[in-house]
Amino acid sequence: MGGIVAKLASKSAEFQNLFLGQFPEQQLKVGNSKKYYETLTDFDFISLKIQYPQFGVETLIRDYYLIDDPEILDRLEEDEKVDYGQVKTLKLIERTLQLSAHILNQDPNQLVGQLWGRLQSFPEPEIQKILADAVQSKSENPRFYPITATLTTPGGNLLRTLTGHKASVNVVAITSDGQTAVSASNDNTLKVWDLWTGGEIFSLTGHQASVNAVAITSDGQTAVSASDDNTLKLWDLQTGKKIFTLSGHKDSVNAVAIAPDGKTAVSVSNSVELWTLKLWDLETGKEISTLRGHKNLVNAVVITPDGQTAVSASSDNTLKLWNLQTGRDFSSLNSYLKLFKLWDLETKREISTLKGHKESVNAVAITPDGQKVVSASDDNTLKVWNLRTGREIFTLVITIQ
């Protein structure tokens, strides 16, 4: 050990920068996969790159991603490619660094403890050598490390931990491309996250109380948040800037859903004796209408994929269907007429009520084809409903052991 440290100690800052920043990629590009593998299983290289001011753990993790780059792999001759065992070792290190990134971003000196806490149960010779070299390194003082694998090991369900909120996180939404997430917290903020790196992109500030819900438009460009400050806010996810504040509710706003075209949203408030939903125009920031009909707290709302209907879930033990197309011809909804009284949205009344739960209905979801609704209740059941007829299809009973 110590070869890379000694080599770089006598070199200029420019050389050190180029070596730590480009050496692994250059080795793969010229077909030297052996050197690429040796470098990324060298504790000194790992430690130096994490602690180097211009790089850090995320830049190091990207070095391991190179082994999956089709353009690079296509250049390698068959006998130059990294074999399965080497790929497995590199992936173990990569996933360990991902699991530890939120710690190492704050304190790179935790590297030894993180490696030992996650990797010591893996018998691969290169892994064991990294751990042995880590103990002997002089990069940390004092050099504490766990004698058992006390931390989450790579290969499980957990990939990364995203840190930054200062209070409870209430909800999270993910863009349709799976690259970005938006979280809402009791610290009065939302945070926009890069799910590839685990890094925070923006902190969205402006609410004066806890943020209870967030929804993202289908194009991933904007988000709507709902807060205990009685407002909703529309955000530009490309800039992190507020577009509108939507005001009109008289109490906390607890849930919000956005229509597939991104032009309208439905929000839920629990103002005492009002228990309303509001329909909003997201292009103007103006309220379109108020939906009344529930007799207790409204806990959740979703919109069908065609954007025509909203379904709300309430502590009055019911779900209600609302037509969002004010002034639209209702002839396409004739199937409802057979079972329910149909109301025009202009009268602020519901299309129909789905009854069957015996206690508060807390959550609701719609299948991608828009044909079925699933509701969840305090009565320990989920119910599946036919959205076209309003009939219950079946009940899923949760058994408490």
Protein backbone atom coordinates (compact mmCIF):
# COMPACT_ATOMS: atom_id res chain seq x y z
CA MET A 1 0.00 0.00 0.00
CA GLY A 2 0.99 3.62 -0.25
CA GLY A 3 2.16 3.50 -3.87
CA ILE A 4 -0.38 6.00 -5.17
CA VAL A 5 0.03 8.25 -2.13
CA ALA A 6 3.82 8.36 -2.58
CA LYS A 7 3.51 8.88 -6.33
CA LEU A 8 1.14 11.80 -6.03
CA ALA A 9 2.97 13.44 -3.12
CA SER A 10 5.82 14.45 -5.43
CA LYS A 11 3.57 15.65 -8.24
CA SER A 12 2.04 19.03 -8.98
CA ALA A 13 -1.52 19.89 -8.09
CA GLU A 14 -2.39 19.83 -11.79
CA PHE A 15 -1.06 16.28 -12.18
CA GLN A 16 -2.91 15.14 -9.06
CA ASN A 17 -6.11 16.65 -10.42
CA LEU A 18 -5.76 14.92 -13.78
CA PHE A 19 -4.78 11.58 -12.26
CA LEU A 20 -7.60 11.39 -9.72
CA GLY A 21 -10.13 12.81 -12.13
CA GLN A 22 -9.36 10.95 -15.35
CA PHE A 23 -7.09 7.94 -14.79
CA PRO A 24 -9.74 5.17 -14.45
CA GLU A 25 -11.67 6.30 -17.53
CA GLN A 26 -8.51 6.69 -19.58
CA GLN A 27 -7.45 3.14 -18.75
CA LEU A 28 -10.72 1.70 -20.00
CA LYS A 29 -10.65 3.81 -23.15
CA VAL A 30 -7.20 2.51 -24.11
CA GLY A 31 -8.25 -1.07 -23.34
CA ASN A 32 -6.33 -1.45 -20.08
CA SER A 33 -9.18 -2.92 -18.02
CA LYS A 34 -6.69 -4.57 -15.66
CA LYS A 35 -5.31 -1.20 -14.58
CA TYR A 36 -8.84 0.20 -14.29
CA TYR A 37 -9.78 -2.66 -11.97
CA GLU A 38 -6.61 -2.38 -9.88
CA THR A 39 -7.11 1.37 -9.44
CA LEU A 40 -10.71 1.12 -8.27
CA THR A 41 -9.87 -1.64 -5.79
CA ASP A 42 -7.00 0.38 -4.30
CA PHE A 43 -7.91 1.90 -0.93
CA ASP A 44 -5.47 4.77 -1.40
CA PHE A 45 -7.13 5.84 -4.66
CA ILE A 46 -10.59 5.56 -3.10
CA SER A 47 -9.56 7.57 -0.06
CA LEU A 48 -7.66 10.24 -1.98
CA LYS A 49 -10.45 10.88 -4.46
CA ILE A 50 -13.11 11.14 -1.74
CA GLN A 51 -11.03 13.62 0.23
CA TYR A 52 -9.78 15.64 -2.75
CA PRO A 53 -11.64 19.00 -2.70
CA GLN A 54 -12.56 18.99 -6.40
CA PHE A 55 -13.98 15.46 -6.47
CA GLY A 56 -15.59 13.62 -3.55
CA VAL A 57 -17.62 10.45 -3.28
CA GLU A 58 -20.10 11.14 -6.10
CA THR A 59 -17.32 11.64 -8.65
CA LEU A 60 -15.71 8.42 -7.44
CA ILE A 61 -18.98 6.51 -7.79
CA ARG A 62 -19.17 7.62 -11.42
CA ASP A 63 -15.84 5.86 -12.05
CA TYR A 64 -17.54 2.57 -11.18
CA TYR A 65 -20.48 3.36 -13.51
CA LEU A 66 -18.02 3.22 -16.44
CA ILE A 67 -18.02 -0.57 -16.36
CA ASP A 68 -21.65 -0.42 -17.59
CA ASP A 69 -21.04 2.12 -20.36
CA PRO A 70 -21.86 0.38 -23.68
CA GLU A 71 -19.65 2.75 -25.69
CA ILE A 72 -16.62 1.90 -23.58
CA LEU A 73 -17.33 -1.83 -23.42
CA ASP A 74 -17.68 -2.02 -27.21
CA ARG A 75 -14.09 -0.81 -27.57
CA LEU A 76 -12.67 -3.57 -25.41
CA GLU A 77 -11.52 -6.81 -26.99
CA GLU A 78 -12.99 -9.96 -25.44
CA ASP A 79 -9.75 -10.79 -23.61
CA GLU A 80 -9.50 -7.25 -22.25
CA LYS A 81 -12.93 -7.14 -20.61
CA VAL A 82 -13.39 -7.21 -16.86
CA ASP A 83 -14.59 -10.70 -15.92
CA TYR A 84 -17.69 -11.54 -13.88
CA GLY A 85 -15.84 -11.85 -10.57
CA GLN A 86 -14.18 -8.47 -11.04
CA VAL A 87 -17.46 -6.85 -12.01
CA LYS A 88 -19.05 -8.25 -8.86
CA THR A 89 -16.26 -6.79 -6.72
CA LEU A 90 -16.54 -3.38 -8.37
CA LYS A 91 -20.31 -3.39 -7.87
CA LEU A 92 -19.91 -4.21 -4.18
CA ILE A 93 -17.62 -1.21 -3.74
CA GLU A 94 -19.86 1.03 -5.84
CA ARG A 95 -23.00 0.13 -3.86
CA THR A 96 -21.15 0.52 -0.57
CA LEU A 97 -20.13 4.04 -1.57
CA GLN A 98 -23.73 4.80 -2.59
CA LEU A 99 -25.01 3.62 0.78
CA SER A 100 -22.38 5.71 2.55
CA ALA A 101 -22.55 8.81 0.35
CA HIS A 102 -24.74 10.85 2.69
CA ILE A 103 -22.18 10.29 5.48
CA LEU A 104 -19.05 10.77 3.39
CA ASN A 105 -20.38 13.98 1.84
CA GLN A 106 -20.50 15.41 5.35
CA ASP A 107 -17.30 13.83 6.68
CA PRO A 108 -14.89 11.99 4.34
CA ASN A 109 -12.95 10.83 7.40
CA GLN A 110 -15.71 8.30 8.09
CA LEU A 111 -14.54 6.20 5.13
CA VAL A 112 -12.78 3.47 7.12
CA GLY A 113 -15.73 2.93 9.46
CA GLN A 114 -18.17 2.89 6.56
CA LEU A 115 -16.16 0.31 4.59
CA TRP A 116 -15.68 -1.97 7.59
CA GLY A 117 -19.30 -1.60 8.71
CA ARG A 118 -20.61 -2.70 5.31
CA LEU A 119 -18.01 -4.95 3.64
CA GLN A 120 -16.27 -7.17 6.16
CA SER A 121 -18.62 -10.12 5.58
CA PHE A 122 -17.63 -10.38 1.89
CA PRO A 123 -14.74 -12.83 1.28
CA GLU A 124 -13.46 -11.45 -2.06
CA PRO A 125 -9.66 -11.02 -1.76
CA GLU A 126 -9.69 -7.47 -3.13
CA ILE A 127 -12.42 -6.48 -0.64
CA GLN A 128 -10.44 -7.91 2.25
CA LYS A 129 -7.30 -6.14 1.06
CA ILE A 130 -9.15 -2.82 0.91
CA LEU A 131 -10.27 -3.33 4.53
CA ALA A 132 -6.76 -4.29 5.66
CA ASP A 133 -5.23 -1.27 3.93
CA ALA A 134 -7.94 0.95 5.41
CA VAL A 135 -6.96 -0.08 8.94
CA GLN A 136 -3.30 0.64 8.21
CA SER A 137 -3.98 4.02 6.59
CA LYS A 138 -3.00 7.24 8.26
CA SER A 139 -5.88 9.17 6.79
CA GLU A 140 -7.96 8.99 9.95
CA ASN A 141 -6.95 9.71 13.52
CA PRO A 142 -8.10 8.02 15.65
CA ARG A 143 -8.74 5.03 13.38
CA PHE A 144 -11.91 3.48 14.79
CA TYR A 145 -13.65 0.74 12.86
CA PRO A 146 -16.37 -1.79 13.74
CA ILE A 147 -15.40 -5.41 14.37
CA THR A 148 -18.75 -6.66 13.01
CA ALA A 149 -20.83 -5.66 9.98
CA THR A 150 -23.03 -3.18 11.85
CA LEU A 151 -24.23 -1.17 8.84
CA THR A 152 -26.51 -2.03 5.92
CA THR A 153 -24.56 -4.13 3.45
CA PRO A 154 -24.67 -3.71 -0.35
CA GLY A 155 -27.01 -5.89 -2.35
CA GLY A 156 -30.20 -5.22 -0.44
CA ASN A 157 -33.18 -3.00 -1.20
CA LEU A 158 -31.67 0.21 0.18
CA LEU A 159 -29.64 2.10 -2.42
CA ARG A 160 -29.11 5.56 -0.91
CA THR A 161 -30.15 7.76 1.97
CA LEU A 162 -31.23 11.31 1.16
CA THR A 163 -30.61 13.76 3.99
CA GLY A 164 -31.29 17.46 4.41
CA HIS A 165 -34.71 18.01 5.93
CA LYS A 166 -34.77 19.31 9.51
CA ALA A 167 -38.12 17.79 10.51
CA SER A 168 -40.39 14.90 9.59
CA VAL A 169 -40.81 14.12 5.90
CA ASN A 170 -44.51 13.73 5.10
CA VAL A 171 -44.65 12.66 1.47
CA VAL A 172 -42.57 12.21 -1.65
CA ALA A 173 -43.38 12.29 -5.38
CA ILE A 174 -41.23 11.09 -8.30
CA THR A 175 -41.11 12.45 -11.85
CA SER A 176 -42.32 10.15 -14.62
CA ASP A 177 -38.76 9.61 -15.90
CA GLY A 178 -37.67 8.32 -12.48
CA GLN A 179 -34.73 10.73 -12.29
CA THR A 180 -36.02 13.28 -9.78
CA ALA A 181 -37.98 13.23 -6.52
CA VAL A 182 -39.67 16.00 -4.55
CA SER A 183 -40.17 15.62 -0.79
CA ALA A 184 -42.39 17.65 1.56
CA SER A 185 -41.58 18.20 5.21
CA ASN A 186 -42.71 19.61 8.52
CA ASP A 187 -39.72 21.98 8.25
CA ASN A 188 -41.96 24.08 5.91
CA THR A 189 -39.87 23.21 2.84
CA LEU A 190 -39.81 20.91 -0.15
CA LYS A 191 -36.61 19.47 -1.54
CA VAL A 192 -35.89 18.41 -5.09
CA TRP A 193 -33.52 15.43 -5.32
CA ASP A 194 -31.39 13.90 -8.04
CA LEU A 195 -32.11 10.18 -7.65
CA TRP A 196 -29.03 9.27 -9.69
CA THR A 197 -26.60 10.91 -7.26
CA GLY A 198 -28.75 11.30 -4.16
CA GLY A 199 -27.88 15.00 -4.16
CA GLU A 200 -30.21 17.87 -3.32
CA ILE A 201 -30.95 20.01 -6.39
CA PHE A 202 -33.16 22.70 -4.83
CA SER A 203 -34.76 23.54 -1.52
CA LEU A 204 -38.16 25.10 -2.20
CA THR A 205 -39.00 27.67 0.47
CA GLY A 206 -42.04 29.88 0.88
CA HIS A 207 -44.60 27.98 2.91
CA GLN A 208 -45.19 29.29 6.42
CA ALA A 209 -46.15 25.94 7.94
CA SER A 210 -45.75 22.20 7.40
CA VAL A 211 -46.00 20.93 3.84
CA ASN A 212 -48.41 18.00 3.77
CA ALA A 213 -48.55 16.90 0.13
CA VAL A 214 -46.93 17.35 -3.26
CA ALA A 215 -47.86 16.31 -6.79
CA ILE A 216 -45.79 16.56 -9.99
CA THR A 217 -47.10 17.23 -13.50
CA SER A 218 -46.70 14.37 -15.99
CA ASP A 219 -43.99 16.26 -17.90
CA GLY A 220 -41.93 16.64 -14.71
CA GLN A 221 -41.64 20.40 -15.16
CA THR A 222 -43.76 21.67 -12.27
CA ALA A 223 -45.03 20.60 -8.86
CA VAL A 224 -47.89 21.66 -6.60
CA SER A 225 -47.49 21.59 -2.83
CA ALA A 226 -50.17 21.71 -0.11
CA SER A 227 -49.55 23.16 3.34
CA ASP A 228 -50.88 23.80 6.83
CA ASP A 229 -50.60 27.52 5.96
CA ASN A 230 -53.93 27.09 4.04
CA THR A 231 -52.28 27.52 0.63
CA LEU A 232 -50.91 25.58 -2.29
CA LYS A 233 -47.87 26.64 -4.27
CA LEU A 234 -46.94 25.92 -7.87
CA TRP A 235 -43.20 25.41 -8.44
CA ASP A 236 -40.93 25.37 -11.49
CA LEU A 237 -38.78 22.26 -10.99
CA GLN A 238 -36.24 23.44 -13.56
CA THR A 239 -35.39 26.63 -11.67
CA GLY A 240 -36.62 25.97 -8.15
CA LYS A 241 -38.72 29.13 -8.30
CA LYS A 242 -42.31 29.64 -7.13
CA ILE A 243 -44.78 30.34 -9.96
CA PHE A 244 -48.04 30.94 -8.07
CA THR A 245 -49.54 30.76 -4.60
CA LEU A 246 -53.04 29.27 -4.72
CA SER A 247 -55.15 30.84 -1.95
CA GLY A 248 -58.76 30.12 -1.05
CA HIS A 249 -58.90 27.32 1.50
CA LYS A 250 -59.86 28.30 5.04
CA ASP A 251 -57.77 25.67 6.78
CA SER A 252 -54.89 23.24 6.25
CA VAL A 253 -54.55 21.75 2.77
CA ASN A 254 -53.88 18.04 3.15
CA ALA A 255 -53.83 16.53 -0.33
CA VAL A 256 -53.49 17.54 -3.97
CA ALA A 257 -53.73 15.80 -7.34
CA ILE A 258 -52.88 17.11 -10.80
CA ALA A 259 -54.78 16.26 -13.98
CA PRO A 260 -52.73 14.40 -16.62
CA ASP A 261 -52.63 17.46 -18.91
CA GLY A 262 -51.06 19.50 -16.10
CA LYS A 263 -53.61 22.30 -16.51
CA THR A 264 -55.79 21.71 -13.45
CA ALA A 265 -55.39 20.43 -9.90
CA VAL A 266 -57.74 19.33 -7.13
CA SER A 267 -56.91 20.05 -3.50
CA VAL A 268 -58.43 18.91 -0.20
CA SER A 269 -58.94 20.96 2.96
CA ASN A 270 -60.36 20.09 6.36
CA SER A 271 -61.83 23.37 7.47
CA VAL A 272 -64.35 22.48 10.19
CA GLU A 273 -67.88 22.00 8.78
CA LEU A 274 -66.64 22.75 5.24
CA TRP A 275 -64.57 19.69 4.31
CA THR A 276 -64.13 20.89 0.77
CA LEU A 277 -62.18 20.19 -2.37
CA LYS A 278 -61.13 22.95 -4.73
CA LEU A 279 -60.48 22.81 -8.45
CA TRP A 280 -57.66 25.07 -9.70
CA ASP A 281 -56.50 26.42 -13.04
CA LEU A 282 -52.70 25.93 -12.96
CA GLU A 283 -52.17 28.18 -15.97
CA THR A 284 -53.61 31.21 -14.18
CA GLY A 285 -53.35 30.24 -10.50
CA LYS A 286 -57.09 30.90 -10.09
CA GLU A 287 -59.74 28.84 -8.32
CA ILE A 288 -62.28 27.30 -10.72
CA SER A 289 -64.79 25.89 -8.25
CA THR A 290 -65.34 24.46 -4.78
CA LEU A 291 -66.61 20.88 -4.37
CA ARG A 292 -68.82 20.22 -1.34
CA GLY A 293 -70.55 17.05 -0.22
CA HIS A 294 -68.45 15.15 2.29
CA LYS A 295 -69.66 15.17 5.89
CA ASN A 296 -66.29 14.73 7.59
CA LEU A 297 -62.56 15.14 6.96
CA VAL A 298 -61.38 14.61 3.38
CA ASN A 299 -58.16 12.60 3.50
CA ALA A 300 -57.10 11.98 -0.09
CA VAL A 301 -57.90 12.68 -3.72
CA VAL A 302 -56.86 11.21 -7.07
CA ILE A 303 -57.72 12.00 -10.69
CA THR A 304 -58.49 9.44 -13.40
CA PRO A 305 -56.01 9.07 -16.29
CA ASP A 306 -58.45 10.76 -18.69
CA GLY A 307 -58.59 13.81 -16.40
CA GLN A 308 -62.40 13.83 -16.31
CA THR A 309 -63.08 12.47 -12.84
CA ALA A 310 -61.69 12.95 -9.34
CA VAL A 311 -62.20 10.47 -6.50
CA SER A 312 -61.98 11.68 -2.90
CA ALA A 313 -61.69 9.61 0.30
CA SER A 314 -63.19 10.80 3.57
CA SER A 315 -63.57 10.13 7.27
CA ASP A 316 -67.34 10.04 6.61
CA ASN A 317 -66.63 6.42 5.49
CA THR A 318 -67.29 7.18 1.82
CA LEU A 319 -65.59 7.95 -1.44
CA LYS A 320 -67.08 10.47 -3.85
CA LEU A 321 -66.71 10.79 -7.61
CA TRP A 322 -66.56 14.30 -9.05
CA ASN A 323 -66.85 15.37 -12.69
CA LEU A 324 -64.04 17.83 -13.46
CA GLN A 325 -65.31 18.86 -16.89
CA THR A 326 -67.51 21.84 -16.04
CA GLY A 327 -70.04 22.37 -18.79
CA ARG A 328 -69.15 19.12 -20.55
CA ASP A 329 -71.77 16.84 -22.12
CA PHE A 330 -72.47 14.10 -19.58
CA SER A 331 -73.80 11.60 -22.15
CA SER A 332 -70.57 9.61 -21.90
CA LEU A 333 -71.32 8.96 -18.22
CA ASN A 334 -74.72 7.30 -18.75
CA SER A 335 -73.58 4.19 -16.90
CA TYR A 336 -73.61 6.21 -13.68
CA LEU A 337 -77.25 7.18 -14.18
CA LYS A 338 -78.39 3.60 -13.64
CA LEU A 339 -77.15 3.58 -10.08
CA PHE A 340 -76.54 7.11 -8.86
CA LYS A 341 -77.92 10.59 -9.04
CA LEU A 342 -75.64 12.56 -11.38
CA TRP A 343 -74.77 16.15 -10.54
CA ASP A 344 -73.27 18.91 -12.68
CA LEU A 345 -70.00 20.26 -11.32
CA GLU A 346 -71.43 23.77 -11.65
CA THR A 347 -73.76 22.91 -8.77
CA LYS A 348 -70.70 21.86 -6.75
CA ARG A 349 -72.13 18.39 -6.15
CA GLU A 350 -70.71 14.93 -6.71
CA ILE A 351 -71.45 12.44 -9.47
CA SER A 352 -71.85 9.55 -7.08
CA THR A 353 -70.96 8.22 -3.64
CA LEU A 354 -69.27 4.86 -3.06
CA LYS A 355 -70.51 3.40 0.20
CA GLY A 356 -69.37 0.25 1.95
CA HIS A 357 -66.55 1.08 4.35
CA LYS A 358 -67.49 1.10 8.02
CA GLU A 359 -64.82 3.57 9.14
CA SER A 360 -62.70 6.44 7.83
CA VAL A 361 -61.36 6.07 4.27
CA ASN A 362 -57.77 7.29 4.34
CA ALA A 363 -56.30 6.64 0.90
CA VAL A 364 -57.38 5.99 -2.66
CA ALA A 365 -55.65 4.92 -5.87
CA ILE A 366 -56.76 4.44 -9.47
CA THR A 367 -55.50 1.72 -11.81
CA PRO A 368 -53.58 2.96 -14.89
CA ASP A 369 -56.47 2.07 -17.20
CA GLY A 370 -58.85 4.21 -15.13
CA GLN A 371 -61.33 1.35 -14.70
CA LYS A 372 -60.90 0.51 -11.02
CA VAL A 373 -60.43 2.34 -7.74
CA VAL A 374 -58.79 0.88 -4.62
CA SER A 375 -59.62 2.44 -1.25
CA ALA A 376 -58.04 1.89 2.18
CA SER A 377 -59.89 2.31 5.45
CA ASP A 378 -59.58 2.27 9.23
CA ASP A 379 -61.99 -0.69 9.14
CA ASN A 380 -58.91 -2.86 8.25
CA THR A 381 -60.06 -3.40 4.69
CA LEU A 382 -59.26 -2.31 1.18
CA LYS A 383 -62.06 -2.24 -1.35
CA VAL A 384 -61.79 -2.51 -5.11
CA TRP A 385 -64.48 -0.63 -7.03
CA ASN A 386 -65.62 -0.59 -10.64
CA LEU A 387 -65.35 3.07 -11.54
CA ARG A 388 -67.81 2.81 -14.45
CA THR A 389 -70.64 1.30 -12.41
CA GLY A 390 -69.73 2.39 -8.90
CA ARG A 391 -70.11 -1.19 -7.68
CA GLU A 392 -67.74 -2.81 -5.20
CA ILE A 393 -65.85 -5.65 -6.90
CA PHE A 394 -64.38 -7.24 -3.78
CA THR A 395 -62.99 -6.47 -0.33
CA LEU A 396 -59.46 -7.21 0.85
CA VAL A 397 -59.41 -7.88 4.58
CA ILE A 398 -56.30 -7.06 6.60
CA THR A 399 -55.86 -9.57 9.42
CA ILE A 400 -54.18 -8.24 12.57
CA GLN A 401 -52.08 -10.97 14.19
